[in-house]
N, C-alpha and C. Protein backbone atom coordinates (compact mmCIF):
# COMPACT_ATOMS: atom_id res chain seq x y z
N UNK A 1 222.50 165.36 159.62
CA UNK A 1 223.36 164.65 158.70
C UNK A 1 222.56 163.53 158.06
N UNK A 2 222.82 163.34 156.87
CA UNK A 2 222.06 162.34 156.13
C UNK A 2 222.57 160.90 156.51
N UNK A 3 221.68 160.02 156.55
CA UNK A 3 222.05 158.62 156.93
C UNK A 3 223.17 157.98 156.12
N UNK A 4 223.11 158.13 154.77
CA UNK A 4 224.22 157.49 154.00
C UNK A 4 225.60 158.05 154.38
N UNK A 5 225.70 159.32 154.71
CA UNK A 5 226.96 159.89 155.11
C UNK A 5 227.42 159.40 156.44
N UNK A 6 226.48 159.18 157.38
CA UNK A 6 226.80 158.61 158.61
C UNK A 6 227.36 157.21 158.44
N UNK A 7 226.61 156.40 157.66
CA UNK A 7 227.03 155.06 157.42
C UNK A 7 228.42 155.04 156.72
N UNK A 8 228.64 155.96 155.74
CA UNK A 8 229.95 156.01 155.09
C UNK A 8 231.03 156.29 156.09
N UNK A 9 230.82 157.29 156.91
CA UNK A 9 231.92 157.67 157.90
C UNK A 9 232.11 156.61 158.89
N UNK A 10 231.00 156.01 159.39
CA UNK A 10 231.13 154.96 160.36
C UNK A 10 231.86 153.72 159.81
N UNK A 11 231.51 153.43 158.54
CA UNK A 11 232.12 152.29 157.87
C UNK A 11 233.65 152.55 157.72
N UNK A 12 233.92 153.77 157.32
CA UNK A 12 235.36 154.07 157.10
C UNK A 12 236.13 154.03 158.46
N UNK A 13 235.47 154.50 159.49
CA UNK A 13 236.10 154.47 160.81
C UNK A 13 236.34 153.05 161.24
N UNK A 14 235.37 152.16 160.96
CA UNK A 14 235.48 150.74 161.33
C UNK A 14 236.59 150.10 160.52
N UNK A 15 236.73 150.47 159.27
CA UNK A 15 237.86 149.91 158.49
C UNK A 15 239.15 150.32 159.06
N UNK A 16 239.25 151.62 159.50
CA UNK A 16 240.47 152.03 160.16
C UNK A 16 240.73 151.19 161.46
N UNK A 17 239.66 150.96 162.22
CA UNK A 17 239.83 150.25 163.45
C UNK A 17 240.28 148.82 163.21
N UNK A 18 239.90 148.26 162.09
CA UNK A 18 240.27 146.92 161.80
C UNK A 18 241.72 146.73 161.32
N UNK A 19 242.48 147.81 161.40
CA UNK A 19 243.87 147.74 161.06
C UNK A 19 244.19 148.15 159.62
N UNK A 20 243.33 148.98 159.11
CA UNK A 20 243.55 149.46 157.72
C UNK A 20 244.87 150.20 157.65
N UNK A 21 245.55 149.97 156.59
CA UNK A 21 246.89 150.57 156.37
C UNK A 21 246.73 152.11 156.14
N UNK A 22 247.62 152.88 156.77
CA UNK A 22 247.58 154.30 156.61
C UNK A 22 247.79 154.66 155.19
N UNK A 23 246.94 155.57 154.71
CA UNK A 23 246.84 155.87 153.28
C UNK A 23 247.73 157.06 152.81
N UNK A 24 248.92 157.30 153.38
CA UNK A 24 249.73 158.44 153.09
C UNK A 24 250.59 158.10 151.93
N UNK A 25 250.00 157.62 150.80
CA UNK A 25 250.79 157.29 149.65
C UNK A 25 250.58 158.39 148.60
N UNK A 26 251.39 158.45 147.58
CA UNK A 26 251.20 159.48 146.54
C UNK A 26 249.87 159.38 145.85
N UNK A 27 249.32 158.13 145.71
CA UNK A 27 248.07 157.91 145.10
C UNK A 27 246.94 158.51 145.96
N UNK A 28 247.09 158.29 147.25
CA UNK A 28 246.08 158.81 148.22
C UNK A 28 246.09 160.34 148.20
N UNK A 29 247.30 160.96 148.18
CA UNK A 29 247.40 162.39 148.17
C UNK A 29 246.81 162.94 146.83
N UNK A 30 246.98 162.29 145.76
CA UNK A 30 246.41 162.69 144.47
C UNK A 30 244.87 162.61 144.54
N UNK A 31 244.41 161.53 145.04
CA UNK A 31 242.91 161.28 145.21
C UNK A 31 242.31 162.38 146.12
N UNK A 32 243.05 162.69 147.14
CA UNK A 32 242.64 163.74 148.06
C UNK A 32 242.52 165.10 147.40
N UNK A 33 243.59 165.41 146.69
CA UNK A 33 243.58 166.69 146.00
C UNK A 33 242.53 166.78 144.93
N UNK A 34 242.25 165.67 144.20
CA UNK A 34 241.24 165.68 143.17
C UNK A 34 239.92 165.82 143.78
N UNK A 35 239.65 165.21 144.89
CA UNK A 35 238.39 165.33 145.57
C UNK A 35 238.15 166.73 146.07
N UNK A 36 239.17 167.38 146.58
CA UNK A 36 239.06 168.77 147.03
C UNK A 36 238.85 169.72 145.83
N UNK A 37 239.48 169.44 144.71
CA UNK A 37 239.31 170.25 143.56
C UNK A 37 237.86 170.12 142.99
N UNK A 38 237.40 168.87 142.96
CA UNK A 38 236.02 168.58 142.50
C UNK A 38 235.02 169.33 143.42
N UNK A 39 235.25 169.31 144.74
CA UNK A 39 234.37 169.95 145.64
C UNK A 39 234.36 171.42 145.39
N UNK A 40 235.52 171.97 145.19
CA UNK A 40 235.58 173.47 144.93
C UNK A 40 234.88 173.82 143.61
N UNK A 41 235.03 172.97 142.59
CA UNK A 41 234.34 173.28 141.34
C UNK A 41 232.82 173.15 141.49
N UNK A 42 232.42 172.11 142.22
CA UNK A 42 230.97 171.92 142.47
C UNK A 42 230.41 173.11 143.25
N UNK A 43 231.16 173.50 144.24
CA UNK A 43 230.73 174.65 145.05
C UNK A 43 230.58 175.94 144.23
N UNK A 44 231.61 176.12 143.37
CA UNK A 44 231.58 177.41 142.56
C UNK A 44 230.32 177.38 141.65
N UNK A 45 230.06 176.23 141.06
CA UNK A 45 228.89 176.13 140.16
C UNK A 45 227.61 176.30 140.92
N UNK A 46 227.52 175.67 142.07
CA UNK A 46 226.25 175.80 142.94
C UNK A 46 226.12 177.24 143.41
N UNK A 47 227.18 177.87 143.76
CA UNK A 47 227.14 179.26 144.24
C UNK A 47 226.69 180.17 143.11
N UNK A 48 227.11 179.92 141.85
CA UNK A 48 226.73 180.71 140.70
C UNK A 48 225.29 180.62 140.47
N UNK A 49 224.67 179.43 140.68
CA UNK A 49 223.18 179.23 140.52
C UNK A 49 222.44 180.03 141.55
N UNK A 50 223.06 180.23 142.75
CA UNK A 50 222.38 180.98 143.86
C UNK A 50 222.29 182.47 143.53
N UNK A 51 223.21 183.00 142.67
CA UNK A 51 223.14 184.41 142.37
C UNK A 51 221.87 184.90 141.72
N UNK A 52 221.17 184.00 141.14
CA UNK A 52 219.93 184.34 140.48
C UNK A 52 218.74 184.48 141.48
N UNK A 53 218.95 184.07 142.67
CA UNK A 53 217.87 184.07 143.69
C UNK A 53 218.13 185.22 144.67
N UNK A 54 217.09 185.70 145.25
CA UNK A 54 217.22 186.76 146.28
C UNK A 54 216.52 186.38 147.64
N UNK A 55 216.89 187.09 148.61
CA UNK A 55 216.27 186.90 149.97
C UNK A 55 216.81 185.65 150.66
N UNK A 56 215.86 185.18 151.52
CA UNK A 56 216.24 183.96 152.28
C UNK A 56 216.47 182.74 151.45
N UNK A 57 215.75 182.51 150.37
CA UNK A 57 216.02 181.32 149.53
C UNK A 57 217.53 181.44 149.00
N UNK A 58 218.06 182.65 148.74
CA UNK A 58 219.42 182.72 148.32
C UNK A 58 220.36 182.27 149.49
N UNK A 59 220.05 182.78 150.70
CA UNK A 59 220.88 182.36 151.86
C UNK A 59 220.88 180.84 152.00
N UNK A 60 219.71 180.25 151.85
CA UNK A 60 219.61 178.81 152.01
C UNK A 60 220.39 178.08 150.88
N UNK A 61 220.28 178.62 149.69
CA UNK A 61 221.03 178.06 148.53
C UNK A 61 222.50 178.13 148.76
N UNK A 62 223.01 179.29 149.24
CA UNK A 62 224.44 179.45 149.42
C UNK A 62 224.88 178.44 150.55
N UNK A 63 224.11 178.34 151.63
CA UNK A 63 224.52 177.44 152.74
C UNK A 63 224.40 175.97 152.31
N UNK A 64 223.51 175.64 151.35
CA UNK A 64 223.45 174.29 150.88
C UNK A 64 224.77 173.97 150.11
N UNK A 65 225.15 174.96 149.33
CA UNK A 65 226.40 174.74 148.54
C UNK A 65 227.59 174.59 149.55
N UNK A 66 227.57 175.48 150.52
CA UNK A 66 228.71 175.39 151.53
C UNK A 66 228.68 174.06 152.26
N UNK A 67 227.54 173.63 152.63
CA UNK A 67 227.40 172.29 153.36
C UNK A 67 227.91 171.14 152.49
N UNK A 68 227.57 171.23 151.22
CA UNK A 68 227.96 170.15 150.30
C UNK A 68 229.49 170.22 150.17
N UNK A 69 230.09 171.44 150.07
CA UNK A 69 231.51 171.51 149.95
C UNK A 69 232.21 171.00 151.24
N UNK A 70 231.66 171.43 152.41
CA UNK A 70 232.27 170.97 153.68
C UNK A 70 232.17 169.43 153.75
N UNK A 71 231.12 168.86 153.35
CA UNK A 71 230.95 167.40 153.39
C UNK A 71 232.00 166.76 152.52
N UNK A 72 232.16 167.23 151.32
CA UNK A 72 233.01 166.64 150.35
C UNK A 72 234.54 166.79 150.87
N UNK A 73 234.81 167.99 151.30
CA UNK A 73 236.19 168.27 151.75
C UNK A 73 236.56 167.46 153.00
N UNK A 74 235.65 167.42 153.95
CA UNK A 74 235.95 166.69 155.22
C UNK A 74 236.05 165.17 154.94
N UNK A 75 235.11 164.64 154.15
CA UNK A 75 235.23 163.22 153.88
C UNK A 75 236.50 162.91 153.13
N UNK A 76 236.94 163.73 152.17
CA UNK A 76 238.18 163.50 151.50
C UNK A 76 239.38 163.60 152.44
N UNK A 77 239.37 164.55 153.35
CA UNK A 77 240.48 164.64 154.28
C UNK A 77 240.52 163.54 155.27
N UNK A 78 239.37 163.08 155.71
CA UNK A 78 239.28 161.98 156.61
C UNK A 78 239.83 160.72 155.98
N UNK A 79 239.44 160.46 154.71
CA UNK A 79 239.99 159.32 153.98
C UNK A 79 241.48 159.41 153.81
N UNK A 80 241.96 160.63 153.51
CA UNK A 80 243.44 160.85 153.34
C UNK A 80 244.19 160.64 154.61
N UNK A 81 243.73 161.22 155.71
CA UNK A 81 244.48 161.08 156.97
C UNK A 81 244.25 159.67 157.52
N UNK A 82 243.08 159.11 157.32
CA UNK A 82 242.75 157.75 157.75
C UNK A 82 243.08 157.47 159.22
N UNK A 83 242.58 158.43 160.03
CA UNK A 83 242.66 158.25 161.55
C UNK A 83 241.28 158.38 162.13
N UNK A 84 241.11 157.79 163.27
CA UNK A 84 239.87 157.90 163.95
C UNK A 84 239.54 159.36 164.28
N UNK A 85 240.54 160.12 164.70
CA UNK A 85 240.38 161.47 164.99
C UNK A 85 239.89 162.26 163.79
N UNK A 86 240.46 162.00 162.63
CA UNK A 86 240.09 162.70 161.37
C UNK A 86 238.61 162.33 161.07
N UNK A 87 238.18 161.14 161.17
CA UNK A 87 236.79 160.75 160.82
C UNK A 87 235.83 161.48 161.82
N UNK A 88 236.19 161.51 163.07
CA UNK A 88 235.40 162.15 164.13
C UNK A 88 235.34 163.69 163.83
N UNK A 89 236.42 164.24 163.51
CA UNK A 89 236.47 165.71 163.21
C UNK A 89 235.62 165.98 161.97
N UNK A 90 235.70 165.18 161.02
CA UNK A 90 234.89 165.31 159.78
C UNK A 90 233.39 165.31 160.11
N UNK A 91 233.01 164.32 160.94
CA UNK A 91 231.58 164.28 161.24
C UNK A 91 231.07 165.47 162.03
N UNK A 92 231.93 165.99 162.90
CA UNK A 92 231.59 167.13 163.71
C UNK A 92 231.47 168.40 162.78
N UNK A 93 232.37 168.60 161.90
CA UNK A 93 232.28 169.74 160.95
C UNK A 93 231.10 169.62 160.02
N UNK A 94 230.84 168.45 159.56
CA UNK A 94 229.65 168.23 158.64
C UNK A 94 228.40 168.54 159.40
N UNK A 95 228.33 168.09 160.69
CA UNK A 95 227.17 168.37 161.53
C UNK A 95 227.02 169.93 161.73
N UNK A 96 228.12 170.59 161.92
CA UNK A 96 228.07 172.03 162.13
C UNK A 96 227.56 172.76 160.85
N UNK A 97 228.09 172.32 159.68
CA UNK A 97 227.64 172.89 158.42
C UNK A 97 226.18 172.73 158.20
N UNK A 98 225.69 171.51 158.52
CA UNK A 98 224.29 171.21 158.36
C UNK A 98 223.43 172.03 159.36
N UNK A 99 223.94 172.28 160.56
CA UNK A 99 223.25 173.15 161.47
C UNK A 99 223.14 174.56 160.96
N UNK A 100 224.24 175.10 160.38
CA UNK A 100 224.08 176.41 159.77
C UNK A 100 223.06 176.48 158.70
N UNK A 101 223.02 175.42 157.90
CA UNK A 101 221.97 175.33 156.83
C UNK A 101 220.62 175.28 157.43
N UNK A 102 220.39 174.47 158.49
CA UNK A 102 219.09 174.36 159.11
C UNK A 102 218.66 175.78 159.69
N UNK A 103 219.58 176.47 160.35
CA UNK A 103 219.29 177.75 160.87
C UNK A 103 218.78 178.72 159.78
N UNK A 104 219.47 178.68 158.66
CA UNK A 104 219.03 179.53 157.54
C UNK A 104 217.61 179.15 156.96
N UNK A 105 217.35 177.92 157.02
CA UNK A 105 215.99 177.51 156.60
C UNK A 105 214.97 178.02 157.64
N UNK A 106 215.34 177.99 158.88
CA UNK A 106 214.43 178.45 159.90
C UNK A 106 214.20 179.97 159.86
N UNK A 107 215.19 180.65 159.34
CA UNK A 107 215.04 182.11 159.27
C UNK A 107 213.92 182.55 158.36
N UNK A 108 213.48 181.69 157.47
CA UNK A 108 212.36 181.99 156.56
C UNK A 108 211.00 181.79 157.20
N UNK A 109 211.02 181.33 158.40
CA UNK A 109 209.74 181.08 159.15
C UNK A 109 209.52 182.20 160.16
N UNK A 110 208.31 182.27 160.72
CA UNK A 110 207.94 183.15 161.70
C UNK A 110 207.27 182.52 162.93
N UNK A 111 207.25 183.24 164.06
CA UNK A 111 206.53 182.83 165.20
C UNK A 111 206.98 181.55 165.83
N UNK A 112 206.09 180.81 166.28
CA UNK A 112 206.38 179.52 166.96
C UNK A 112 207.05 178.48 165.96
N UNK A 113 206.61 178.52 164.70
CA UNK A 113 207.22 177.62 163.75
C UNK A 113 208.78 177.85 163.61
N UNK A 114 209.16 179.12 163.72
CA UNK A 114 210.60 179.42 163.67
C UNK A 114 211.29 178.93 164.95
N UNK A 115 210.66 179.09 166.06
CA UNK A 115 211.25 178.64 167.32
C UNK A 115 211.42 177.12 167.39
N UNK A 116 210.36 176.44 166.90
CA UNK A 116 210.40 174.98 166.83
C UNK A 116 211.50 174.50 165.83
N UNK A 117 211.52 175.20 164.74
CA UNK A 117 212.55 174.85 163.72
C UNK A 117 213.95 174.98 164.25
N UNK A 118 214.27 176.04 165.02
CA UNK A 118 215.54 176.28 165.58
C UNK A 118 215.86 175.20 166.62
N UNK A 119 214.91 174.89 167.39
CA UNK A 119 215.16 173.85 168.43
C UNK A 119 215.35 172.46 167.78
N UNK A 120 214.64 172.19 166.69
CA UNK A 120 214.89 170.97 165.95
C UNK A 120 216.27 170.88 165.33
N UNK A 121 216.66 172.03 164.81
CA UNK A 121 218.00 172.11 164.20
C UNK A 121 219.11 171.89 165.30
N UNK A 122 218.92 172.50 166.37
CA UNK A 122 219.85 172.39 167.50
C UNK A 122 219.93 170.88 168.00
N UNK A 123 218.74 170.26 168.07
CA UNK A 123 218.63 168.89 168.43
C UNK A 123 219.36 167.97 167.52
N UNK A 124 219.24 168.22 166.15
CA UNK A 124 219.93 167.41 165.13
C UNK A 124 221.49 167.60 165.34
N UNK A 125 221.86 168.85 165.61
CA UNK A 125 223.33 169.04 165.77
C UNK A 125 223.83 168.33 167.01
N UNK A 126 223.20 168.44 168.10
CA UNK A 126 223.60 167.78 169.34
C UNK A 126 223.59 166.22 169.19
N UNK A 127 222.60 165.72 168.43
CA UNK A 127 222.54 164.26 168.20
C UNK A 127 223.62 163.78 167.33
N UNK A 128 223.97 164.56 166.25
CA UNK A 128 225.10 164.22 165.37
C UNK A 128 226.38 164.22 166.06
N UNK A 129 226.63 165.28 166.86
CA UNK A 129 227.86 165.36 167.61
C UNK A 129 228.01 164.25 168.65
N UNK A 130 226.90 163.96 169.33
CA UNK A 130 226.88 162.89 170.31
C UNK A 130 227.19 161.52 169.71
N UNK A 131 226.62 161.32 168.51
CA UNK A 131 226.83 160.01 167.78
C UNK A 131 228.30 159.93 167.42
N UNK A 132 228.84 161.01 166.94
CA UNK A 132 230.23 161.02 166.48
C UNK A 132 231.22 160.67 167.68
N UNK A 133 230.94 161.33 168.79
CA UNK A 133 231.76 161.08 169.99
C UNK A 133 231.57 159.64 170.50
N UNK A 134 230.35 159.19 170.49
CA UNK A 134 230.03 157.85 170.96
C UNK A 134 230.74 156.78 170.07
N UNK A 135 230.63 157.03 168.74
CA UNK A 135 231.27 156.03 167.82
C UNK A 135 232.79 156.09 168.06
N UNK A 136 233.35 157.23 168.27
CA UNK A 136 234.79 157.33 168.50
C UNK A 136 235.20 156.55 169.75
N UNK A 137 234.42 156.74 170.84
CA UNK A 137 234.70 156.00 172.05
C UNK A 137 234.55 154.54 171.96
N UNK A 138 233.53 154.10 171.16
CA UNK A 138 233.26 152.66 170.89
C UNK A 138 234.44 152.06 170.13
N UNK A 139 234.93 152.71 169.12
CA UNK A 139 236.00 152.20 168.30
C UNK A 139 237.30 152.18 169.16
N UNK A 140 237.49 153.23 169.94
CA UNK A 140 238.71 153.22 170.83
C UNK A 140 238.64 152.09 171.81
N UNK A 141 237.47 151.81 172.36
CA UNK A 141 237.33 150.71 173.34
C UNK A 141 237.59 149.37 172.72
N UNK A 142 237.13 149.18 171.46
CA UNK A 142 237.37 147.98 170.77
C UNK A 142 238.81 147.78 170.46
N UNK A 143 239.46 148.86 170.08
CA UNK A 143 240.94 148.77 169.83
C UNK A 143 241.69 148.45 171.09
N UNK A 144 241.32 149.03 172.21
CA UNK A 144 241.93 148.71 173.50
C UNK A 144 241.71 147.28 173.90
N UNK A 145 240.49 146.82 173.67
CA UNK A 145 240.19 145.45 174.03
C UNK A 145 240.97 144.44 173.12
N UNK A 146 241.07 144.78 171.86
CA UNK A 146 241.86 143.91 170.93
C UNK A 146 243.31 143.89 171.38
N UNK A 147 243.85 145.00 171.68
CA UNK A 147 245.29 145.04 172.17
C UNK A 147 245.42 144.29 173.44
N UNK A 148 244.54 144.40 174.38
CA UNK A 148 244.57 143.61 175.60
C UNK A 148 244.52 142.15 175.37
N UNK A 149 243.66 141.70 174.43
CA UNK A 149 243.53 140.29 174.15
C UNK A 149 244.83 139.77 173.48
N UNK A 150 245.36 140.63 172.56
CA UNK A 150 246.64 140.16 171.96
C UNK A 150 247.80 140.04 172.92
N UNK A 151 247.85 140.99 173.86
CA UNK A 151 248.88 140.95 174.91
C UNK A 151 248.69 139.71 175.82
N UNK A 152 247.48 139.42 176.13
CA UNK A 152 247.22 138.19 176.96
C UNK A 152 247.63 136.94 176.25
N UNK A 153 247.28 136.84 174.91
CA UNK A 153 247.62 135.71 174.15
C UNK A 153 249.16 135.53 173.97
N UNK A 154 249.81 136.71 173.86
CA UNK A 154 251.27 136.71 173.69
C UNK A 154 251.90 136.18 175.04
N UNK A 155 251.37 136.61 176.18
CA UNK A 155 251.90 136.17 177.40
C UNK A 155 251.70 134.65 177.57
N UNK A 156 250.54 134.20 177.11
CA UNK A 156 250.30 132.71 177.17
C UNK A 156 251.29 131.98 176.25
N UNK A 157 251.52 132.48 175.11
CA UNK A 157 252.46 131.82 174.18
C UNK A 157 253.88 131.85 174.80
N UNK A 158 254.30 132.93 175.41
CA UNK A 158 255.64 133.00 176.07
C UNK A 158 255.64 132.01 177.22
N UNK A 159 254.57 131.89 177.97
CA UNK A 159 254.53 130.97 179.10
C UNK A 159 254.71 129.50 178.61
N UNK A 160 254.08 129.22 177.43
CA UNK A 160 254.26 127.86 176.92
C UNK A 160 255.65 127.55 176.49
N UNK A 161 256.38 128.61 176.20
CA UNK A 161 257.82 128.40 175.81
C UNK A 161 258.68 128.01 176.94
N UNK A 162 258.19 128.20 178.22
CA UNK A 162 258.98 127.87 179.41
C UNK A 162 259.12 126.39 179.54
N UNK A 163 258.35 125.63 178.81
CA UNK A 163 258.42 124.15 178.83
C UNK A 163 259.65 123.70 178.16
N UNK A 164 260.27 124.50 177.30
CA UNK A 164 261.50 124.22 176.53
C UNK A 164 262.73 124.73 177.24
N UNK A 165 263.84 124.36 176.72
CA UNK A 165 265.14 124.88 177.25
C UNK A 165 266.04 125.15 176.05
N UNK A 166 266.99 126.06 176.29
CA UNK A 166 268.02 126.31 175.32
C UNK A 166 267.51 126.93 173.99
N UNK A 167 268.06 126.35 172.95
CA UNK A 167 267.73 126.79 171.61
C UNK A 167 266.21 126.62 171.23
N UNK A 168 265.63 125.58 171.68
CA UNK A 168 264.18 125.31 171.44
C UNK A 168 263.35 126.42 172.09
N UNK A 169 263.74 126.82 173.30
CA UNK A 169 263.02 127.90 173.99
C UNK A 169 263.21 129.23 173.25
N UNK A 170 264.43 129.49 172.76
CA UNK A 170 264.66 130.73 171.97
C UNK A 170 263.86 130.76 170.77
N UNK A 171 263.80 129.61 170.07
CA UNK A 171 263.02 129.46 168.83
C UNK A 171 261.53 129.64 169.10
N UNK A 172 261.09 129.16 170.16
CA UNK A 172 259.65 129.24 170.60
C UNK A 172 259.34 130.71 170.84
N UNK A 173 260.11 131.41 171.57
CA UNK A 173 259.94 132.80 171.92
C UNK A 173 260.00 133.61 170.63
N UNK A 174 260.95 133.39 169.75
CA UNK A 174 261.00 134.10 168.54
C UNK A 174 259.78 133.92 167.75
N UNK A 175 259.29 132.68 167.67
CA UNK A 175 257.97 132.40 166.93
C UNK A 175 256.83 133.14 167.54
N UNK A 176 256.81 133.25 168.85
CA UNK A 176 255.70 133.94 169.54
C UNK A 176 255.73 135.41 169.22
N UNK A 177 257.02 136.02 169.23
CA UNK A 177 257.15 137.36 168.93
C UNK A 177 256.77 137.65 167.51
N UNK A 178 257.06 136.75 166.62
CA UNK A 178 256.72 136.93 165.20
C UNK A 178 255.15 136.88 165.01
N UNK A 179 254.60 135.92 165.73
CA UNK A 179 253.16 135.75 165.59
C UNK A 179 252.35 136.96 166.11
N UNK A 180 252.88 137.56 167.14
CA UNK A 180 252.18 138.69 167.78
C UNK A 180 252.75 140.06 167.48
N UNK A 181 253.66 140.10 166.58
CA UNK A 181 254.29 141.39 166.15
C UNK A 181 255.06 142.10 167.22
N UNK A 182 255.70 141.43 168.13
CA UNK A 182 256.41 142.01 169.20
C UNK A 182 257.91 142.20 168.92
């Protein structure tokens, strides 16, 4: 996986974790559909260029086009769904598409070079998948920690309200609930 795409997906996942509003609006759906249509058109054009090539270079060309389409489709879907699971799934599928491309590139080699190439491709796949899972767990842990901190602060605010009585206490508790979204 290319570094800019990793940074893009990680940044998007962090935005989601920061409380980004779910993007299930008509505009988001339109942007998603336009991105998928653009990916399909780009794929079709790239695939047509591959028809002039033969042998292993054609296989590589076709898989490059497929990998680019998978990348565009998955990034668009992840942005549309705007969930941590969607971003992680996108990173996994992109890594898998890149692995298929790397295997095709290795097919053009022979002997030990081919074996080394295949192992390097597998190592890149495993690393990309491990990074995606680790980032997901990190973001989930931060979300859990943020929720725990908010709950603790809410309990403190409620406890401070015990110093009041009657309407003042009710108003204090209402203010605490409003402050913490309870």
